[in-house]
Amino acid sequence: MGSGVWLGVEDLPVPGGGGPGMRPFPDAVPGPGPISAFGPRTSTGGVESRAENRYIGPACPVVTLHSRFPIAMSLSGFFSRFVPSDHRFFAHFDAVMDNLVTAAGVLGQLVRTETQEEREPIVERIRELEHEGDTLTHRIFSDLNATFVTPFDREDIHKLASALDDILDHVDESARKIVLYQLKKIPDPVVNLADIIDRSVRELQQAVRMLKSLKNTAEMQSTVERLNEYENEADDVFERAVAALFEKEKDNPVRLIKVKEVLIALELATDECEDAGNVLESILIKHA
């Protein structure tokens, strides 16, 4: 063992009436360094209280640190890894949801435009929000790797962050395809799916906020059920839209493919909303 640190405890009882001081471990062998973990070594192999210079018994070999500060200060950084940083993860998820709700709202604006000139700056705005979402997601993963105790299961934190990031990816994908494919008129099913995405992410935002206490279990469960209903509604809109495309655009296969690609991207976003809801339900069950 090398040199140690002072624990700074002065009032623990010592067996045998030694008075206040550090409680030693019996029959222990002191480390060879000039300072043991319990104070300066004495010529008899024991230690003495630094506060009162009192001999209190044989020293105990312990893992030592190269520091002479009190151990509470020396180990504060180490033990902070074992303390849940609830506020950190909740703040991250709140930021992710604010960003996602904003992107869904901008998508709603996009599908109601009529010209390419109107659409391009809106798509660029969604792209910026997608980049911001990536940054926030990486921040969650970074803190997850640096935190020993988390407010709920690490796997669920990772799944939820990934699902929310995937929603934004599909929103960005659908927006870019609307501009790249130069759709002159945006079909009603595209508008309907964008509206379903907007409703879904707003429900998700409310549910994510409930994670801070997990007291409103009935309300969170209702939110998860509504997300499932929205996804079913989106499936119905998607299937009817594809069927209508084959019926009305059979003589224009290029437009059929373009619109279908946009519909697929939007429908995948609603699927990811449901997946995020399933993660929330899993967290809810584990903490019931």
Protein backbone atom coordinates (compact mmCIF):
# COMPACT_ATOMS: atom_id res chain seq x y z
CA MET A 1 0.00 0.00 0.00
CA GLY A 2 1.18 3.54 -0.68
CA SER A 3 0.41 6.72 1.20
CA GLY A 4 -3.20 7.07 2.26
CA VAL A 5 -5.74 9.77 3.03
CA TRP A 6 -7.30 11.04 6.25
CA LEU A 7 -10.90 9.99 6.75
CA GLY A 8 -11.61 12.91 9.04
CA VAL A 9 -13.93 11.00 11.45
CA GLU A 10 -13.23 11.93 15.09
CA ASP A 11 -16.03 10.67 17.27
CA LEU A 12 -16.40 6.94 16.62
CA PRO A 13 -15.91 4.81 19.78
CA VAL A 14 -12.73 2.76 20.06
CA PRO A 15 -12.82 -0.67 21.73
CA GLY A 16 -11.02 -0.77 25.09
CA GLY A 17 -11.86 2.77 26.15
CA GLY A 18 -9.52 4.51 23.75
CA GLY A 19 -11.79 7.53 23.67
CA PRO A 20 -12.96 9.31 20.56
CA GLY A 21 -11.18 8.55 17.34
CA MET A 22 -11.23 6.19 14.36
CA ARG A 23 -12.33 2.60 14.93
CA PRO A 24 -9.43 0.35 13.78
CA PHE A 25 -9.70 -3.18 12.44
CA PRO A 26 -8.02 -5.64 14.90
CA ASP A 27 -4.92 -7.58 13.94
CA ALA A 28 -4.41 -5.64 10.75
CA VAL A 29 -1.04 -4.90 9.24
CA PRO A 30 -0.32 -1.23 8.49
CA GLY A 31 0.65 -0.14 5.03
CA PRO A 32 4.25 0.91 4.44
CA GLY A 33 3.41 4.47 3.44
CA PRO A 34 3.96 7.38 5.83
CA ILE A 35 0.21 7.95 6.20
CA SER A 36 -2.40 5.24 6.62
CA ALA A 37 -6.04 5.58 5.68
CA PHE A 38 -6.88 6.38 9.31
CA GLY A 39 -4.15 8.93 10.08
CA PRO A 40 -0.35 9.14 10.70
CA ARG A 41 1.39 5.90 11.69
CA THR A 42 2.94 5.59 15.15
CA SER A 43 6.20 3.90 16.06
CA THR A 44 4.20 0.94 17.42
CA GLY A 45 2.51 0.27 14.13
CA GLY A 46 -0.79 1.86 15.05
CA VAL A 47 -2.38 5.09 13.96
CA GLU A 48 -3.29 8.24 15.80
CA SER A 49 -6.11 10.69 15.37
CA ARG A 50 -4.90 13.65 13.37
CA ALA A 51 -7.47 15.84 15.09
CA GLU A 52 -6.36 14.94 18.64
CA ASN A 53 -2.98 13.20 18.13
CA ARG A 54 -4.29 10.21 20.07
CA TYR A 55 -3.12 6.62 19.53
CA ILE A 56 -6.09 4.37 18.83
CA GLY A 57 -4.78 0.96 17.79
CA PRO A 58 -3.34 -1.05 14.93
CA ALA A 59 -3.78 0.25 11.44
CA CYS A 60 -5.80 -1.46 8.75
CA PRO A 61 -4.54 -2.00 5.18
CA VAL A 62 -6.86 -0.26 2.78
CA VAL A 63 -6.83 0.93 -0.80
CA THR A 64 -5.13 4.29 -0.67
CA LEU A 65 -5.30 7.43 -2.75
CA HIS A 66 -2.50 9.87 -3.50
CA SER A 67 -4.18 12.75 -1.73
CA ARG A 68 -4.05 14.37 1.71
CA PHE A 69 -7.51 15.94 1.45
CA PRO A 70 -10.41 14.51 3.47
CA ILE A 71 -11.76 11.42 1.78
CA ALA A 72 -15.20 13.00 1.29
CA MET A 73 -13.54 15.51 -1.00
CA SER A 74 -11.15 13.08 -2.64
CA LEU A 75 -13.83 10.56 -3.59
CA SER A 76 -16.67 12.95 -4.41
CA GLY A 77 -16.13 12.55 -8.15
CA PHE A 78 -16.00 8.77 -7.86
CA PHE A 79 -19.14 8.38 -5.77
CA SER A 80 -21.09 10.84 -7.93
CA ARG A 81 -21.26 8.05 -10.51
CA PHE A 82 -23.40 6.05 -8.10
CA VAL A 83 -25.96 8.82 -7.56
CA PRO A 84 -28.93 8.92 -9.96
CA SER A 85 -28.84 12.02 -12.15
CA ASP A 86 -32.61 12.01 -12.69
CA HIS A 87 -32.82 15.65 -13.62
CA ARG A 88 -30.20 15.19 -16.31
CA PHE A 89 -32.07 12.49 -18.26
CA PHE A 90 -35.46 14.09 -17.77
CA ALA A 91 -34.11 17.41 -19.02
CA HIS A 92 -32.63 15.66 -22.06
CA PHE A 93 -35.92 13.95 -22.91
CA ASP A 94 -37.83 17.20 -22.46
CA ALA A 95 -35.49 18.86 -24.95
CA VAL A 96 -35.87 15.96 -27.39
CA MET A 97 -39.66 16.18 -27.20
CA ASP A 98 -39.72 19.98 -27.63
CA ASN A 99 -37.58 19.60 -30.73
CA LEU A 100 -39.73 16.76 -32.08
CA VAL A 101 -43.01 18.61 -31.52
CA THR A 102 -41.57 21.61 -33.34
CA ALA A 103 -40.53 19.43 -36.30
CA ALA A 104 -43.98 17.82 -36.52
CA GLY A 105 -45.58 21.26 -36.55
CA VAL A 106 -43.27 22.42 -39.34
CA LEU A 107 -44.14 19.27 -41.30
CA GLY A 108 -47.79 20.24 -40.99
CA GLN A 109 -46.94 23.58 -42.58
CA LEU A 110 -45.02 21.88 -45.37
CA VAL A 111 -47.85 19.61 -46.52
CA ARG A 112 -50.13 22.62 -46.85
CA THR A 113 -47.86 24.54 -49.22
CA GLU A 114 -48.46 24.72 -52.97
CA THR A 115 -45.15 25.71 -54.56
CA GLN A 116 -41.59 24.47 -54.54
CA GLU A 117 -40.35 27.90 -53.50
CA GLU A 118 -42.45 27.77 -50.34
CA ARG A 119 -41.34 24.27 -49.49
CA GLU A 120 -37.56 24.51 -49.75
CA PRO A 121 -36.93 26.77 -46.71
CA ILE A 122 -39.40 24.72 -44.66
CA VAL A 123 -37.57 21.50 -45.51
CA GLU A 124 -34.29 23.14 -44.57
CA ARG A 125 -35.78 24.06 -41.20
CA ILE A 126 -36.81 20.44 -40.62
CA ARG A 127 -33.29 19.32 -41.54
CA GLU A 128 -31.88 21.68 -38.89
CA LEU A 129 -34.26 20.26 -36.31
CA GLU A 130 -33.20 16.73 -37.28
CA HIS A 131 -29.54 17.63 -36.70
CA GLU A 132 -30.46 19.11 -33.33
CA GLY A 133 -32.31 15.89 -32.51
CA ASP A 134 -29.21 13.84 -33.31
CA THR A 135 -27.15 16.02 -30.98
CA LEU A 136 -29.64 15.59 -28.13
CA THR A 137 -29.81 11.82 -28.66
CA HIS A 138 -26.03 11.47 -28.59
CA ARG A 139 -26.01 13.48 -25.37
CA ILE A 140 -28.38 10.98 -23.78
CA PHE A 141 -26.21 8.06 -24.87
CA SER A 142 -23.08 9.80 -23.57
CA ASP A 143 -24.61 10.43 -20.14
CA LEU A 144 -25.97 6.90 -20.10
CA ASN A 145 -22.45 5.54 -20.48
CA ALA A 146 -21.17 7.84 -17.73
CA THR A 147 -23.91 7.15 -15.15
CA PHE A 148 -23.92 4.06 -12.96
CA VAL A 149 -27.42 4.45 -11.49
CA THR A 150 -30.19 5.65 -13.82
CA PRO A 151 -33.76 6.77 -13.02
CA PHE A 152 -35.13 3.73 -14.88
CA ASP A 153 -33.66 0.80 -16.83
CA ARG A 154 -30.71 1.69 -19.04
CA GLU A 155 -32.15 -0.43 -21.84
CA ASP A 156 -35.43 1.49 -21.71
CA ILE A 157 -33.62 4.83 -21.79
CA HIS A 158 -31.71 3.68 -24.87
CA LYS A 159 -34.83 2.32 -26.59
CA LEU A 160 -36.88 5.43 -25.89
CA ALA A 161 -34.16 7.80 -27.12
CA SER A 162 -33.69 5.69 -30.27
CA ALA A 163 -37.41 5.53 -31.03
CA LEU A 164 -37.82 9.30 -30.64
CA ASP A 165 -34.82 9.87 -32.89
CA ASP A 166 -36.26 7.51 -35.51
CA ILE A 167 -39.54 9.48 -35.56
CA LEU A 168 -37.63 12.63 -36.42
CA ASP A 169 -35.56 10.80 -39.04
CA HIS A 170 -38.73 9.71 -40.86
CA VAL A 171 -40.25 13.19 -40.59
CA ASP A 172 -37.10 14.58 -42.19
CA GLU A 173 -37.10 11.85 -44.85
CA SER A 174 -40.71 12.50 -45.85
CA ALA A 175 -40.12 16.27 -46.01
CA ARG A 176 -37.06 15.87 -48.24
CA LYS A 177 -38.91 13.51 -50.59
CA ILE A 178 -41.76 15.99 -51.03
CA VAL A 179 -39.24 18.52 -52.35
CA LEU A 180 -36.97 16.09 -54.22
CA TYR A 181 -39.88 14.48 -56.07
CA GLN A 182 -41.37 17.93 -56.80
CA LEU A 183 -44.93 16.97 -56.02
CA LYS A 184 -47.09 19.66 -57.58
CA LYS A 185 -50.15 18.89 -55.48
CA ILE A 186 -49.83 17.15 -52.15
CA PRO A 187 -52.53 14.49 -51.78
CA ASP A 188 -54.96 14.60 -48.86
CA PRO A 189 -53.67 11.31 -47.33
CA VAL A 190 -50.22 12.92 -46.95
CA VAL A 191 -51.81 15.81 -45.06
CA ASN A 192 -53.79 13.35 -42.91
CA LEU A 193 -50.69 11.35 -41.99
CA ALA A 194 -48.78 14.52 -41.11
CA ASP A 195 -51.64 15.51 -38.80
CA ILE A 196 -51.58 12.07 -37.14
CA ILE A 197 -47.83 12.43 -36.55
CA ASP A 198 -48.41 15.83 -34.95
CA ARG A 199 -51.06 14.43 -32.60
CA SER A 200 -48.90 11.43 -31.75
CA VAL A 201 -45.79 13.39 -30.80
CA ARG A 202 -47.86 15.73 -28.62
CA GLU A 203 -49.23 12.70 -26.77
CA LEU A 204 -45.69 11.39 -26.42
CA GLN A 205 -44.55 14.71 -25.00
CA GLN A 206 -47.16 14.50 -22.25
CA ALA A 207 -46.24 10.90 -21.46
CA VAL A 208 -42.50 11.63 -21.32
CA ARG A 209 -43.15 14.43 -18.82
CA MET A 210 -44.96 11.92 -16.60
CA LEU A 211 -41.79 9.85 -16.28
CA LYS A 212 -40.50 12.29 -13.66
CA SER A 213 -42.87 10.91 -11.02
CA LEU A 214 -44.62 7.85 -12.51
CA LYS A 215 -47.59 8.67 -10.28
CA ASN A 216 -50.16 9.26 -13.02
CA THR A 217 -50.11 5.66 -14.19
CA ALA A 218 -53.71 5.67 -15.43
CA GLU A 219 -53.12 8.82 -17.46
CA MET A 220 -49.90 7.46 -18.95
CA GLN A 221 -51.65 4.21 -19.85
CA SER A 222 -54.39 6.21 -21.58
CA THR A 223 -51.72 8.06 -23.55
CA VAL A 224 -50.14 4.80 -24.68
CA GLU A 225 -53.56 3.53 -25.79
CA ARG A 226 -54.22 6.70 -27.79
CA LEU A 227 -50.84 6.29 -29.51
CA ASN A 228 -51.91 2.81 -30.55
CA GLU A 229 -55.19 4.19 -31.87
CA TYR A 230 -53.36 6.85 -33.89
CA GLU A 231 -51.07 4.22 -35.40
CA ASN A 232 -54.08 2.11 -36.40
CA GLU A 233 -55.65 5.19 -37.95
CA ALA A 234 -52.43 5.86 -39.86
CA ASP A 235 -52.37 2.27 -41.15
CA ASP A 236 -55.91 2.70 -42.44
CA VAL A 237 -55.08 6.02 -44.13
CA PHE A 238 -51.96 4.53 -45.70
CA GLU A 239 -53.65 1.40 -47.06
CA ARG A 240 -56.58 3.34 -48.53
CA ALA A 241 -54.20 5.87 -50.08
CA VAL A 242 -52.10 3.19 -51.76
CA ALA A 243 -55.21 1.47 -53.07
CA ALA A 244 -56.44 4.79 -54.48
CA LEU A 245 -53.06 5.40 -56.11
CA PHE A 246 -53.21 2.12 -57.99
CA GLU A 247 -56.71 2.99 -59.11
CA LYS A 248 -56.25 6.64 -60.08
CA GLU A 249 -52.58 6.80 -61.07
CA LYS A 250 -52.23 3.55 -63.00
CA ASP A 251 -51.53 5.58 -66.13
CA ASN A 252 -48.92 7.69 -64.33
CA PRO A 253 -46.56 5.22 -62.64
CA VAL A 254 -43.93 7.87 -61.89
CA ARG A 255 -46.32 9.93 -59.77
CA LEU A 256 -47.62 6.73 -58.18
CA ILE A 257 -44.12 5.81 -57.02
CA LYS A 258 -43.33 9.33 -55.79
CA VAL A 259 -46.47 9.65 -53.68
CA LYS A 260 -46.17 6.12 -52.35
CA GLU A 261 -42.59 6.79 -51.17
CA VAL A 262 -43.75 9.85 -49.24
CA LEU A 263 -46.64 7.90 -47.73
CA ILE A 264 -44.29 5.12 -46.60
CA ALA A 265 -41.95 7.55 -44.84
CA LEU A 266 -44.87 9.18 -43.02
CA GLU A 267 -46.41 5.85 -42.03
CA LEU A 268 -43.05 4.68 -40.64
CA ALA A 269 -42.98 7.79 -38.44
CA THR A 270 -46.33 6.77 -36.93
CA ASP A 271 -44.98 3.25 -36.36
CA GLU A 272 -42.07 4.73 -34.40
CA CYS A 273 -44.51 6.78 -32.32
CA GLU A 274 -46.22 3.54 -31.34
CA ASP A 275 -42.83 1.94 -30.59
CA ALA A 276 -41.96 4.83 -28.28
CA GLY A 277 -45.33 4.33 -26.59
CA ASN A 278 -44.53 0.65 -26.08
CA VAL A 279 -41.27 1.59 -24.33
CA LEU A 280 -43.20 3.95 -22.04
CA GLU A 281 -45.64 1.15 -21.28
CA SER A 282 -42.74 -1.16 -20.41
CA ILE A 283 -41.36 1.45 -17.99
CA LEU A 284 -44.82 1.85 -16.50
CA ILE A 285 -45.20 -1.89 -15.91
CA LYS A 286 -41.77 -2.18 -14.26
CA HIS A 287 -42.56 0.64 -11.83
CA ALA A 288 -46.18 -0.31 -11.11
